[in-house]
Amino acid sequence: IAAGRRDVVLPLLSCGLADEPKRVLHAVWHMVSIDLVLSGLALFCLSL
């Protein structure tokens, strides 16, 4: 979330790519962020 926003998302959003693929890639980045957080929480739950 921290490094990806700085190194990937901000350059992506400011590049000359067409709006639709740019927004899809931005949404995919958010999907991965959610997946990583939920996976960590799932592992905490599994530990108990």
ModelCIF file with pLDDT and N, C-alpha, C, O atoms, coordinates in Angstrom:
data_MODEL
#
_entry.id   MODEL 
#
_entity.id                         1 
_entity.type                       polymer 
_entity.pdbx_number_of_molecules   1 
#
_entity_poly.entity_id                      1 
_entity_poly.type                           'polypeptide(L)' 
_entity_poly.nstd_linkage                   no 
_entity_poly.nstd_monomer                   no 
_entity_poly.pdbx_seq_one_letter_code       IAAGRRDVVLPLLSCGLADEPKRVLHAVWHMVSIDLVLSGLALFCLSL 
_entity_poly.pdbx_seq_one_letter_code_can   IAAGRRDVVLPLLSCGLADEPKRVLHAVWHMVSIDLVLSGLALFCLSL 
_entity_poly.pdbx_strand_id                 A 
#
loop_
_entity_poly_seq.entity_id 
_entity_poly_seq.num 
_entity_poly_seq.mon_id 
_entity_poly_seq.hetero 
1 1  ILE n 
1 2  ALA n 
1 3  ALA n 
1 4  GLY n 
1 5  ARG n 
1 6  ARG n 
1 7  ASP n 
1 8  VAL n 
1 9  VAL n 
1 10 LEU n 
1 11 PRO n 
1 12 LEU n 
1 13 LEU n 
1 14 SER n 
1 15 CYS n 
1 16 GLY n 
1 17 LEU n 
1 18 ALA n 
1 19 ASP n 
1 20 GLU n 
1 21 PRO n 
1 22 LYS n 
1 23 ARG n 
1 24 VAL n 
1 25 LEU n 
1 26 HIS n 
1 27 ALA n 
1 28 VAL n 
1 29 TRP n 
1 30 HIS n 
1 31 MET n 
1 32 VAL n 
1 33 SER n 
1 34 ILE n 
1 35 ASP n 
1 36 LEU n 
1 37 VAL n 
1 38 LEU n 
1 39 SER n 
1 40 GLY n 
1 41 LEU n 
1 42 ALA n 
1 43 LEU n 
1 44 PHE n 
1 45 CYS n 
1 46 LEU n 
1 47 SER n 
1 48 LEU n 
#
_struct_asym.id          A 
_struct_asym.entity_id   1 
#
loop_
_ma_qa_metric.id 
_ma_qa_metric.mode 
_ma_qa_metric.name 
_ma_qa_metric.software_group_id 
_ma_qa_metric.type 
1 global pLDDT . pLDDT 
2 local  pLDDT . pLDDT 
#
_ma_qa_metric_global.metric_id      1 
_ma_qa_metric_global.metric_value   92.15 
_ma_qa_metric_global.model_id       1 
_ma_qa_metric_global.ordinal_id     1 
#
loop_
_ma_qa_metric_local.label_asym_id 
_ma_qa_metric_local.label_comp_id 
_ma_qa_metric_local.label_seq_id 
_ma_qa_metric_local.metric_id 
_ma_qa_metric_local.metric_value 
_ma_qa_metric_local.model_id 
_ma_qa_metric_local.ordinal_id 
A ILE 1  2 93.00 1 1  
A ALA 2  2 92.00 1 2  
A ALA 3  2 88.00 1 3  
A GLY 4  2 86.00 1 4  
A ARG 5  2 88.00 1 5  
A ARG 6  2 88.00 1 6  
A ASP 7  2 87.00 1 7  
A VAL 8  2 87.00 1 8  
A VAL 9  2 88.00 1 9  
A LEU 10 2 89.00 1 10 
A PRO 11 2 90.00 1 11 
A LEU 12 2 87.00 1 12 
A LEU 13 2 88.00 1 13 
A SER 14 2 91.00 1 14 
A CYS 15 2 92.00 1 15 
A GLY 16 2 92.00 1 16 
A LEU 17 2 90.00 1 17 
A ALA 18 2 94.00 1 18 
A ASP 19 2 92.00 1 19 
A GLU 20 2 94.00 1 20 
A PRO 21 2 91.00 1 21 
A LYS 22 2 91.00 1 22 
A ARG 23 2 93.00 1 23 
A VAL 24 2 93.00 1 24 
A LEU 25 2 90.00 1 25 
A HIS 26 2 91.00 1 26 
A ALA 27 2 94.00 1 27 
A VAL 28 2 92.00 1 28 
A TRP 29 2 92.00 1 29 
A HIS 30 2 94.00 1 30 
A MET 31 2 95.00 1 31 
A VAL 32 2 94.00 1 32 
A SER 33 2 95.00 1 33 
A ILE 34 2 96.00 1 34 
A ASP 35 2 96.00 1 35 
A LEU 36 2 95.00 1 36 
A VAL 37 2 96.00 1 37 
A LEU 38 2 96.00 1 38 
A SER 39 2 96.00 1 39 
A GLY 40 2 96.00 1 40 
A LEU 41 2 96.00 1 41 
A ALA 42 2 95.00 1 42 
A LEU 43 2 95.00 1 43 
A PHE 44 2 94.00 1 44 
A CYS 45 2 93.00 1 45 
A LEU 46 2 93.00 1 46 
A SER 47 2 93.00 1 47 
A LEU 48 2 92.00 1 48 
#
loop_
_atom_site.group_PDB 
_atom_site.id 
_atom_site.type_symbol 
_atom_site.label_atom_id 
_atom_site.label_alt_id 
_atom_site.label_comp_id 
_atom_site.label_asym_id 
_atom_site.label_entity_id 
_atom_site.label_seq_id 
_atom_site.pdbx_PDB_ins_code 
_atom_site.Cartn_x 
_atom_site.Cartn_y 
_atom_site.Cartn_z 
_atom_site.occupancy 
_atom_site.B_iso_or_equiv 
_atom_site.pdbx_formal_charge 
_atom_site.auth_seq_id 
_atom_site.auth_comp_id 
_atom_site.auth_asym_id 
_atom_site.auth_atom_id 
_atom_site.pdbx_PDB_model_num 
ATOM 1   N N  . ILE A 1 1  ? 0.835   -1.207  0.000   1.00 93.00 ? 1  ILE A N  1 
ATOM 2   C CA . ILE A 1 1  ? 0.000   0.000   0.000   1.00 93.00 ? 1  ILE A CA 1 
ATOM 3   C C  . ILE A 1 1  ? 0.872   1.260   0.000   1.00 93.00 ? 1  ILE A C  1 
ATOM 4   O O  . ILE A 1 1  ? 0.637   2.177   -0.786  1.00 93.00 ? 1  ILE A O  1 
ATOM 5   N N  . ALA A 1 2  ? 1.866   1.303   0.873   1.00 92.00 ? 2  ALA A N  1 
ATOM 6   C CA . ALA A 1 2  ? 2.699   2.507   0.975   1.00 92.00 ? 2  ALA A CA 1 
ATOM 7   C C  . ALA A 1 2  ? 3.622   2.678   -0.235  1.00 92.00 ? 2  ALA A C  1 
ATOM 8   O O  . ALA A 1 2  ? 3.600   3.718   -0.894  1.00 92.00 ? 2  ALA A O  1 
ATOM 9   N N  . ALA A 1 3  ? 4.423   1.668   -0.521  1.00 88.00 ? 3  ALA A N  1 
ATOM 10  C CA . ALA A 1 3  ? 5.390   1.779   -1.613  1.00 88.00 ? 3  ALA A CA 1 
ATOM 11  C C  . ALA A 1 3  ? 4.701   1.705   -2.966  1.00 88.00 ? 3  ALA A C  1 
ATOM 12  O O  . ALA A 1 3  ? 5.094   2.405   -3.899  1.00 88.00 ? 3  ALA A O  1 
ATOM 13  N N  . GLY A 1 4  ? 3.678   0.866   -3.084  1.00 86.00 ? 4  GLY A N  1 
ATOM 14  C CA . GLY A 1 4  ? 2.976   0.730   -4.355  1.00 86.00 ? 4  GLY A CA 1 
ATOM 15  C C  . GLY A 1 4  ? 2.270   2.007   -4.761  1.00 86.00 ? 4  GLY A C  1 
ATOM 16  O O  . GLY A 1 4  ? 2.210   2.336   -5.945  1.00 86.00 ? 4  GLY A O  1 
ATOM 17  N N  . ARG A 1 5  ? 1.741   2.720   -3.800  1.00 88.00 ? 5  ARG A N  1 
ATOM 18  C CA . ARG A 1 5  ? 1.077   3.987   -4.124  1.00 88.00 ? 5  ARG A CA 1 
ATOM 19  C C  . ARG A 1 5  ? 2.093   4.960   -4.708  1.00 88.00 ? 5  ARG A C  1 
ATOM 20  O O  . ARG A 1 5  ? 1.834   5.612   -5.719  1.00 88.00 ? 5  ARG A O  1 
ATOM 21  N N  . ARG A 1 6  ? 3.236   5.049   -4.069  1.00 88.00 ? 6  ARG A N  1 
ATOM 22  C CA . ARG A 1 6  ? 4.270   5.997   -4.496  1.00 88.00 ? 6  ARG A CA 1 
ATOM 23  C C  . ARG A 1 6  ? 4.936   5.566   -5.802  1.00 88.00 ? 6  ARG A C  1 
ATOM 24  O O  . ARG A 1 6  ? 5.099   6.376   -6.715  1.00 88.00 ? 6  ARG A O  1 
ATOM 25  N N  . ASP A 1 7  ? 5.320   4.290   -5.892  1.00 87.00 ? 7  ASP A N  1 
ATOM 26  C CA . ASP A 1 7  ? 6.130   3.820   -7.023  1.00 87.00 ? 7  ASP A CA 1 
ATOM 27  C C  . ASP A 1 7  ? 5.320   3.344   -8.224  1.00 87.00 ? 7  ASP A C  1 
ATOM 28  O O  . ASP A 1 7  ? 5.840   3.307   -9.339  1.00 87.00 ? 7  ASP A O  1 
ATOM 29  N N  . VAL A 1 8  ? 4.066   2.984   -8.017  1.00 87.00 ? 8  VAL A N  1 
ATOM 30  C CA . VAL A 1 8  ? 3.272   2.410   -9.109  1.00 87.00 ? 8  VAL A CA 1 
ATOM 31  C C  . VAL A 1 8  ? 2.026   3.247   -9.400  1.00 87.00 ? 8  VAL A C  1 
ATOM 32  O O  . VAL A 1 8  ? 1.812   3.657   -10.540 1.00 87.00 ? 8  VAL A O  1 
ATOM 33  N N  . VAL A 1 9  ? 1.214   3.500   -8.391  1.00 88.00 ? 9  VAL A N  1 
ATOM 34  C CA . VAL A 1 9  ? -0.087  4.122   -8.626  1.00 88.00 ? 9  VAL A CA 1 
ATOM 35  C C  . VAL A 1 9  ? 0.051   5.570   -9.078  1.00 88.00 ? 9  VAL A C  1 
ATOM 36  O O  . VAL A 1 9  ? -0.555  5.955   -10.078 1.00 88.00 ? 9  VAL A O  1 
ATOM 37  N N  . LEU A 1 10 ? 0.821   6.373   -8.379  1.00 89.00 ? 10 LEU A N  1 
ATOM 38  C CA . LEU A 1 10 ? 0.935   7.782   -8.767  1.00 89.00 ? 10 LEU A CA 1 
ATOM 39  C C  . LEU A 1 10 ? 1.517   7.948   -10.169 1.00 89.00 ? 10 LEU A C  1 
ATOM 40  O O  . LEU A 1 10 ? 0.986   8.742   -10.946 1.00 89.00 ? 10 LEU A O  1 
ATOM 41  N N  . PRO A 1 11 ? 2.608   7.219   -10.534 1.00 90.00 ? 11 PRO A N  1 
ATOM 42  C CA . PRO A 1 11 ? 3.072   7.318   -11.926 1.00 90.00 ? 11 PRO A CA 1 
ATOM 43  C C  . PRO A 1 11 ? 2.038   6.808   -12.937 1.00 90.00 ? 11 PRO A C  1 
ATOM 44  O O  . PRO A 1 11 ? 1.896   7.370   -14.023 1.00 90.00 ? 11 PRO A O  1 
ATOM 45  N N  . LEU A 1 12 ? 1.324   5.747   -12.577 1.00 87.00 ? 12 LEU A N  1 
ATOM 46  C CA . LEU A 1 12 ? 0.291   5.222   -13.475 1.00 87.00 ? 12 LEU A CA 1 
ATOM 47  C C  . LEU A 1 12 ? -0.782  6.270   -13.737 1.00 87.00 ? 12 LEU A C  1 
ATOM 48  O O  . LEU A 1 12 ? -1.168  6.497   -14.884 1.00 87.00 ? 12 LEU A O  1 
ATOM 49  N N  . LEU A 1 13 ? -1.260  6.905   -12.681 1.00 88.00 ? 13 LEU A N  1 
ATOM 50  C CA . LEU A 1 13 ? -2.344  7.868   -12.828 1.00 88.00 ? 13 LEU A CA 1 
ATOM 51  C C  . LEU A 1 13 ? -1.916  9.128   -13.567 1.00 88.00 ? 13 LEU A C  1 
ATOM 52  O O  . LEU A 1 13 ? -2.756  9.818   -14.145 1.00 88.00 ? 13 LEU A O  1 
ATOM 53  N N  . SER A 1 14 ? -0.632  9.437   -13.556 1.00 91.00 ? 14 SER A N  1 
ATOM 54  C CA . SER A 1 14 ? -0.167  10.647  -14.233 1.00 91.00 ? 14 SER A CA 1 
ATOM 55  C C  . SER A 1 14 ? 0.379   10.376  -15.637 1.00 91.00 ? 14 SER A C  1 
ATOM 56  O O  . SER A 1 14 ? 0.813   11.309  -16.313 1.00 91.00 ? 14 SER A O  1 
ATOM 57  N N  . CYS A 1 15 ? 0.366   9.124   -16.086 1.00 92.00 ? 15 CYS A N  1 
ATOM 58  C CA . CYS A 1 15 ? 0.914   8.810   -17.408 1.00 92.00 ? 15 CYS A CA 1 
ATOM 59  C C  . CYS A 1 15 ? -0.123  9.051   -18.501 1.00 92.00 ? 15 CYS A C  1 
ATOM 60  O O  . CYS A 1 15 ? -1.282  9.355   -18.219 1.00 92.00 ? 15 CYS A O  1 
ATOM 61  N N  . GLY A 1 16 ? 0.305   8.913   -19.731 1.00 92.00 ? 16 GLY A N  1 
ATOM 62  C CA . GLY A 1 16 ? -0.553  9.189   -20.876 1.00 92.00 ? 16 GLY A CA 1 
ATOM 63  C C  . GLY A 1 16 ? -1.416  8.025   -21.320 1.00 92.00 ? 16 GLY A C  1 
ATOM 64  O O  . GLY A 1 16 ? -2.018  8.089   -22.392 1.00 92.00 ? 16 GLY A O  1 
ATOM 65  N N  . LEU A 1 17 ? -1.497  6.978   -20.542 1.00 90.00 ? 17 LEU A N  1 
ATOM 66  C CA . LEU A 1 17 ? -2.330  5.826   -20.886 1.00 90.00 ? 17 LEU A CA 1 
ATOM 67  C C  . LEU A 1 17 ? -3.801  6.253   -20.958 1.00 90.00 ? 17 LEU A C  1 
ATOM 68  O O  . LEU A 1 17 ? -4.229  7.152   -20.233 1.00 90.00 ? 17 LEU A O  1 
ATOM 69  N N  . ALA A 1 18 ? -4.559  5.611   -21.827 1.00 94.00 ? 18 ALA A N  1 
ATOM 70  C CA . ALA A 1 18 ? -5.996  5.911   -21.941 1.00 94.00 ? 18 ALA A CA 1 
ATOM 71  C C  . ALA A 1 18 ? -6.689  5.693   -20.599 1.00 94.00 ? 18 ALA A C  1 
ATOM 72  O O  . ALA A 1 18 ? -6.262  4.866   -19.793 1.00 94.00 ? 18 ALA A O  1 
ATOM 73  N N  . ASP A 1 19 ? -7.763  6.445   -20.372 1.00 92.00 ? 19 ASP A N  1 
ATOM 74  C CA . ASP A 1 19 ? -8.431  6.420   -19.064 1.00 92.00 ? 19 ASP A CA 1 
ATOM 75  C C  . ASP A 1 19 ? -8.942  5.045   -18.649 1.00 92.00 ? 19 ASP A C  1 
ATOM 76  O O  . ASP A 1 19 ? -8.771  4.653   -17.495 1.00 92.00 ? 19 ASP A O  1 
ATOM 77  N N  . GLU A 1 20 ? -9.563  4.307   -19.559 1.00 94.00 ? 20 GLU A N  1 
ATOM 78  C CA . GLU A 1 20 ? -10.153 3.024   -19.162 1.00 94.00 ? 20 GLU A CA 1 
ATOM 79  C C  . GLU A 1 20 ? -9.110  2.022   -18.673 1.00 94.00 ? 20 GLU A C  1 
ATOM 80  O O  . GLU A 1 20 ? -9.281  1.490   -17.576 1.00 94.00 ? 20 GLU A O  1 
ATOM 81  N N  . PRO A 1 21 ? -8.029  1.727   -19.422 1.00 91.00 ? 21 PRO A N  1 
ATOM 82  C CA . PRO A 1 21 ? -7.034  0.793   -18.884 1.00 91.00 ? 21 PRO A CA 1 
ATOM 83  C C  . PRO A 1 21 ? -6.347  1.334   -17.631 1.00 91.00 ? 21 PRO A C  1 
ATOM 84  O O  . PRO A 1 21 ? -5.983  0.567   -16.740 1.00 91.00 ? 21 PRO A O  1 
ATOM 85  N N  . LYS A 1 22 ? -6.173  2.639   -17.566 1.00 91.00 ? 22 LYS A N  1 
ATOM 86  C CA . LYS A 1 22 ? -5.557  3.243   -16.372 1.00 91.00 ? 22 LYS A CA 1 
ATOM 87  C C  . LYS A 1 22 ? -6.418  2.975   -15.142 1.00 91.00 ? 22 LYS A C  1 
ATOM 88  O O  . LYS A 1 22 ? -5.898  2.603   -14.090 1.00 91.00 ? 22 LYS A O  1 
ATOM 89  N N  . ARG A 1 23 ? -7.726  3.161   -15.267 1.00 93.00 ? 23 ARG A N  1 
ATOM 90  C CA . ARG A 1 23 ? -8.634  2.952   -14.125 1.00 93.00 ? 23 ARG A CA 1 
ATOM 91  C C  . ARG A 1 23 ? -8.756  1.474   -13.778 1.00 93.00 ? 23 ARG A C  1 
ATOM 92  O O  . ARG A 1 23 ? -8.875  1.123   -12.604 1.00 93.00 ? 23 ARG A O  1 
ATOM 93  N N  . VAL A 1 24 ? -8.727  0.608   -14.779 1.00 93.00 ? 24 VAL A N  1 
ATOM 94  C CA . VAL A 1 24 ? -8.773  -0.837  -14.513 1.00 93.00 ? 24 VAL A CA 1 
ATOM 95  C C  . VAL A 1 24 ? -7.524  -1.257  -13.744 1.00 93.00 ? 24 VAL A C  1 
ATOM 96  O O  . VAL A 1 24 ? -7.627  -1.991  -12.761 1.00 93.00 ? 24 VAL A O  1 
ATOM 97  N N  . LEU A 1 25 ? -6.361  -0.810  -14.169 1.00 90.00 ? 25 LEU A N  1 
ATOM 98  C CA . LEU A 1 25 ? -5.121  -1.151  -13.455 1.00 90.00 ? 25 LEU A CA 1 
ATOM 99  C C  . LEU A 1 25 ? -5.126  -0.596  -12.037 1.00 90.00 ? 25 LEU A C  1 
ATOM 100 O O  . LEU A 1 25 ? -4.633  -1.244  -11.114 1.00 90.00 ? 25 LEU A O  1 
ATOM 101 N N  . HIS A 1 26 ? -5.683  0.603   -11.859 1.00 91.00 ? 26 HIS A N  1 
ATOM 102 C CA . HIS A 1 26 ? -5.790  1.185   -10.517 1.00 91.00 ? 26 HIS A CA 1 
ATOM 103 C C  . HIS A 1 26 ? -6.724  0.343   -9.643  1.00 91.00 ? 26 HIS A C  1 
ATOM 104 O O  . HIS A 1 26 ? -6.439  0.112   -8.467  1.00 91.00 ? 26 HIS A O  1 
ATOM 105 N N  . ALA A 1 27 ? -7.837  -0.113  -10.220 1.00 94.00 ? 27 ALA A N  1 
ATOM 106 C CA . ALA A 1 27 ? -8.766  -0.975  -9.474  1.00 94.00 ? 27 ALA A CA 1 
ATOM 107 C C  . ALA A 1 27 ? -8.106  -2.301  -9.113  1.00 94.00 ? 27 ALA A C  1 
ATOM 108 O O  . ALA A 1 27 ? -8.306  -2.806  -8.008  1.00 94.00 ? 27 ALA A O  1 
ATOM 109 N N  . VAL A 1 28 ? -7.330  -2.866  -10.020 1.00 92.00 ? 28 VAL A N  1 
ATOM 110 C CA . VAL A 1 28 ? -6.628  -4.123  -9.738  1.00 92.00 ? 28 VAL A CA 1 
ATOM 111 C C  . VAL A 1 28 ? -5.651  -3.931  -8.588  1.00 92.00 ? 28 VAL A C  1 
ATOM 112 O O  . VAL A 1 28 ? -5.528  -4.806  -7.731  1.00 92.00 ? 28 VAL A O  1 
ATOM 113 N N  . TRP A 1 29 ? -4.958  -2.805  -8.557  1.00 92.00 ? 29 TRP A N  1 
ATOM 114 C CA . TRP A 1 29 ? -4.038  -2.531  -7.442  1.00 92.00 ? 29 TRP A CA 1 
ATOM 115 C C  . TRP A 1 29 ? -4.813  -2.522  -6.115  1.00 92.00 ? 29 TRP A C  1 
ATOM 116 O O  . TRP A 1 29 ? -4.348  -3.072  -5.117  1.00 92.00 ? 29 TRP A O  1 
ATOM 117 N N  . HIS A 1 30 ? -5.996  -1.894  -6.112  1.00 94.00 ? 30 HIS A N  1 
ATOM 118 C CA . HIS A 1 30 ? -6.820  -1.885  -4.895  1.00 94.00 ? 30 HIS A CA 1 
ATOM 119 C C  . HIS A 1 30 ? -7.305  -3.290  -4.547  1.00 94.00 ? 30 HIS A C  1 
ATOM 120 O O  . HIS A 1 30 ? -7.360  -3.647  -3.370  1.00 94.00 ? 30 HIS A O  1 
ATOM 121 N N  . MET A 1 31 ? -7.658  -4.091  -5.552  1.00 95.00 ? 31 MET A N  1 
ATOM 122 C CA . MET A 1 31 ? -8.093  -5.467  -5.289  1.00 95.00 ? 31 MET A CA 1 
ATOM 123 C C  . MET A 1 31 ? -6.980  -6.261  -4.618  1.00 95.00 ? 31 MET A C  1 
ATOM 124 O O  . MET A 1 31 ? -7.233  -7.005  -3.670  1.00 95.00 ? 31 MET A O  1 
ATOM 125 N N  . VAL A 1 32 ? -5.766  -6.111  -5.094  1.00 94.00 ? 32 VAL A N  1 
ATOM 126 C CA . VAL A 1 32 ? -4.633  -6.816  -4.492  1.00 94.00 ? 32 VAL A CA 1 
ATOM 127 C C  . VAL A 1 32 ? -4.407  -6.315  -3.070  1.00 94.00 ? 32 VAL A C  1 
ATOM 128 O O  . VAL A 1 32 ? -4.111  -7.112  -2.180  1.00 94.00 ? 32 VAL A O  1 
ATOM 129 N N  . SER A 1 33 ? -4.540  -5.017  -2.843  1.00 95.00 ? 33 SER A N  1 
ATOM 130 C CA . SER A 1 33 ? -4.389  -4.471  -1.488  1.00 95.00 ? 33 SER A CA 1 
ATOM 131 C C  . SER A 1 33 ? -5.383  -5.127  -0.535  1.00 95.00 ? 33 SER A C  1 
ATOM 132 O O  . SER A 1 33 ? -5.015  -5.543  0.564   1.00 95.00 ? 33 SER A O  1 
ATOM 133 N N  . ILE A 1 34 ? -6.625  -5.215  -0.953  1.00 96.00 ? 34 ILE A N  1 
ATOM 134 C CA . ILE A 1 34 ? -7.677  -5.838  -0.131  1.00 96.00 ? 34 ILE A CA 1 
ATOM 135 C C  . ILE A 1 34 ? -7.372  -7.309  0.096   1.00 96.00 ? 34 ILE A C  1 
ATOM 136 O O  . ILE A 1 34 ? -7.519  -7.810  1.211   1.00 96.00 ? 34 ILE A O  1 
ATOM 137 N N  . ASP A 1 35 ? -6.948  -8.007  -0.957  1.00 96.00 ? 35 ASP A N  1 
ATOM 138 C CA . ASP A 1 35 ? -6.626  -9.428  -0.839  1.00 96.00 ? 35 ASP A CA 1 
ATOM 139 C C  . ASP A 1 35 ? -5.490  -9.666  0.152   1.00 96.00 ? 35 ASP A C  1 
ATOM 140 O O  . ASP A 1 35 ? -5.558  -10.592 0.961   1.00 96.00 ? 35 ASP A O  1 
ATOM 141 N N  . LEU A 1 36 ? -4.459  -8.846  0.095   1.00 95.00 ? 36 LEU A N  1 
ATOM 142 C CA . LEU A 1 36 ? -3.334  -9.017  1.012   1.00 95.00 ? 36 LEU A CA 1 
ATOM 143 C C  . LEU A 1 36 ? -3.743  -8.791  2.463   1.00 95.00 ? 36 LEU A C  1 
ATOM 144 O O  . LEU A 1 36 ? -3.336  -9.541  3.349   1.00 95.00 ? 36 LEU A O  1 
ATOM 145 N N  . VAL A 1 37 ? -4.544  -7.763  2.705   1.00 96.00 ? 37 VAL A N  1 
ATOM 146 C CA . VAL A 1 37 ? -5.015  -7.492  4.071   1.00 96.00 ? 37 VAL A CA 1 
ATOM 147 C C  . VAL A 1 37 ? -5.914  -8.628  4.561   1.00 96.00 ? 37 VAL A C  1 
ATOM 148 O O  . VAL A 1 37 ? -5.743  -9.115  5.679   1.00 96.00 ? 37 VAL A O  1 
ATOM 149 N N  . LEU A 1 38 ? -6.870  -9.053  3.730   1.00 96.00 ? 38 LEU A N  1 
ATOM 150 C CA . LEU A 1 38 ? -7.780  -10.136 4.136   1.00 96.00 ? 38 LEU A CA 1 
ATOM 151 C C  . LEU A 1 38 ? -7.029  -11.451 4.359   1.00 96.00 ? 38 LEU A C  1 
ATOM 152 O O  . LEU A 1 38 ? -7.380  -12.221 5.253   1.00 96.00 ? 38 LEU A O  1 
ATOM 153 N N  . SER A 1 39 ? -6.004  -11.709 3.555   1.00 96.00 ? 39 SER A N  1 
ATOM 154 C CA . SER A 1 39 ? -5.203  -12.921 3.750   1.00 96.00 ? 39 SER A CA 1 
ATOM 155 C C  . SER A 1 39 ? -4.486  -12.888 5.090   1.00 96.00 ? 39 SER A C  1 
ATOM 156 O O  . SER A 1 39 ? -4.436  -13.895 5.797   1.00 96.00 ? 39 SER A O  1 
ATOM 157 N N  . GLY A 1 40 ? -3.934  -11.737 5.440   1.00 96.00 ? 40 GLY A N  1 
ATOM 158 C CA . GLY A 1 40 ? -3.289  -11.604 6.749   1.00 96.00 ? 40 GLY A CA 1 
ATOM 159 C C  . GLY A 1 40 ? -4.273  -11.833 7.884   1.00 96.00 ? 40 GLY A C  1 
ATOM 160 O O  . GLY A 1 40 ? -3.958  -12.520 8.856   1.00 96.00 ? 40 GLY A O  1 
ATOM 161 N N  . LEU A 1 41 ? -5.465  -11.258 7.760   1.00 96.00 ? 41 LEU A N  1 
ATOM 162 C CA . LEU A 1 41 ? -6.497  -11.459 8.786   1.00 96.00 ? 41 LEU A CA 1 
ATOM 163 C C  . LEU A 1 41 ? -6.945  -12.914 8.843   1.00 96.00 ? 41 LEU A C  1 
ATOM 164 O O  . LEU A 1 41 ? -7.177  -13.452 9.926   1.00 96.00 ? 41 LEU A O  1 
ATOM 165 N N  . ALA A 1 42 ? -7.066  -13.552 7.681   1.00 95.00 ? 42 ALA A N  1 
ATOM 166 C CA . ALA A 1 42 ? -7.436  -14.972 7.653   1.00 95.00 ? 42 ALA A CA 1 
ATOM 167 C C  . ALA A 1 42 ? -6.395  -15.813 8.381   1.00 95.00 ? 42 ALA A C  1 
ATOM 168 O O  . ALA A 1 42 ? -6.740  -16.739 9.114   1.00 95.00 ? 42 ALA A O  1 
ATOM 169 N N  . LEU A 1 43 ? -5.121  -15.487 8.177   1.00 95.00 ? 43 LEU A N  1 
ATOM 170 C CA . LEU A 1 43 ? -4.067  -16.244 8.861   1.00 95.00 ? 43 LEU A CA 1 
ATOM 171 C C  . LEU A 1 43 ? -4.099  -16.006 10.369  1.00 95.00 ? 43 LEU A C  1 
ATOM 172 O O  . LEU A 1 43 ? -3.847  -16.931 11.141  1.00 95.00 ? 43 LEU A O  1 
ATOM 173 N N  . PHE A 1 44 ? -4.404  -14.788 10.797  1.00 94.00 ? 44 PHE A N  1 
ATOM 174 C CA . PHE A 1 44 ? -4.567  -14.542 12.241  1.00 94.00 ? 44 PHE A CA 1 
ATOM 175 C C  . PHE A 1 44 ? -5.698  -15.398 12.793  1.00 94.00 ? 44 PHE A C  1 
ATOM 176 O O  . PHE A 1 44 ? -5.560  -16.012 13.851  1.00 94.00 ? 44 PHE A O  1 
ATOM 177 N N  . CYS A 1 45 ? -6.818  -15.438 12.074  1.00 93.00 ? 45 CYS A N  1 
ATOM 178 C CA . CYS A 1 45 ? -7.953  -16.263 12.512  1.00 93.00 ? 45 CYS A CA 1 
ATOM 179 C C  . CYS A 1 45 ? -7.590  -17.738 12.529  1.00 93.00 ? 45 CYS A C  1 
ATOM 180 O O  . CYS A 1 45 ? -7.965  -18.459 13.453  1.00 93.00 ? 45 CYS A O  1 
ATOM 181 N N  . LEU A 1 46 ? -6.862  -18.194 11.513  1.00 93.00 ? 46 LEU A N  1 
ATOM 182 C CA . LEU A 1 46 ? -6.436  -19.598 11.481  1.00 93.00 ? 46 LEU A CA 1 
ATOM 183 C C  . LEU A 1 46 ? -5.520  -19.932 12.649  1.00 93.00 ? 46 LEU A C  1 
ATOM 184 O O  . LEU A 1 46 ? -5.530  -21.057 13.148  1.00 93.00 ? 46 LEU A O  1 
ATOM 185 N N  . SER A 1 47 ? -4.733  -18.963 13.083  1.00 93.00 ? 47 SER A N  1 
ATOM 186 C CA . SER A 1 47 ? -3.816  -19.228 14.204  1.00 93.00 ? 47 SER A CA 1 
ATOM 187 C C  . SER A 1 47 ? -4.584  -19.507 15.500  1.00 93.00 ? 47 SER A C  1 
ATOM 188 O O  . SER A 1 47 ? -4.061  -20.150 16.410  1.00 93.00 ? 47 SER A O  1 
ATOM 189 N N  . LEU A 1 48 ? -5.806  -19.029 15.576  1.00 92.00 ? 48 LEU A N  1 
ATOM 190 C CA . LEU A 1 48 ? -6.632  -19.221 16.774  1.00 92.00 ? 48 LEU A CA 1 
ATOM 191 C C  . LEU A 1 48 ? -7.654  -20.338 16.626  1.00 92.00 ? 48 LEU A C  1 
ATOM 192 O O  . LEU A 1 48 ? -8.414  -20.606 17.557  1.00 92.00 ? 48 LEU A O  1 
#
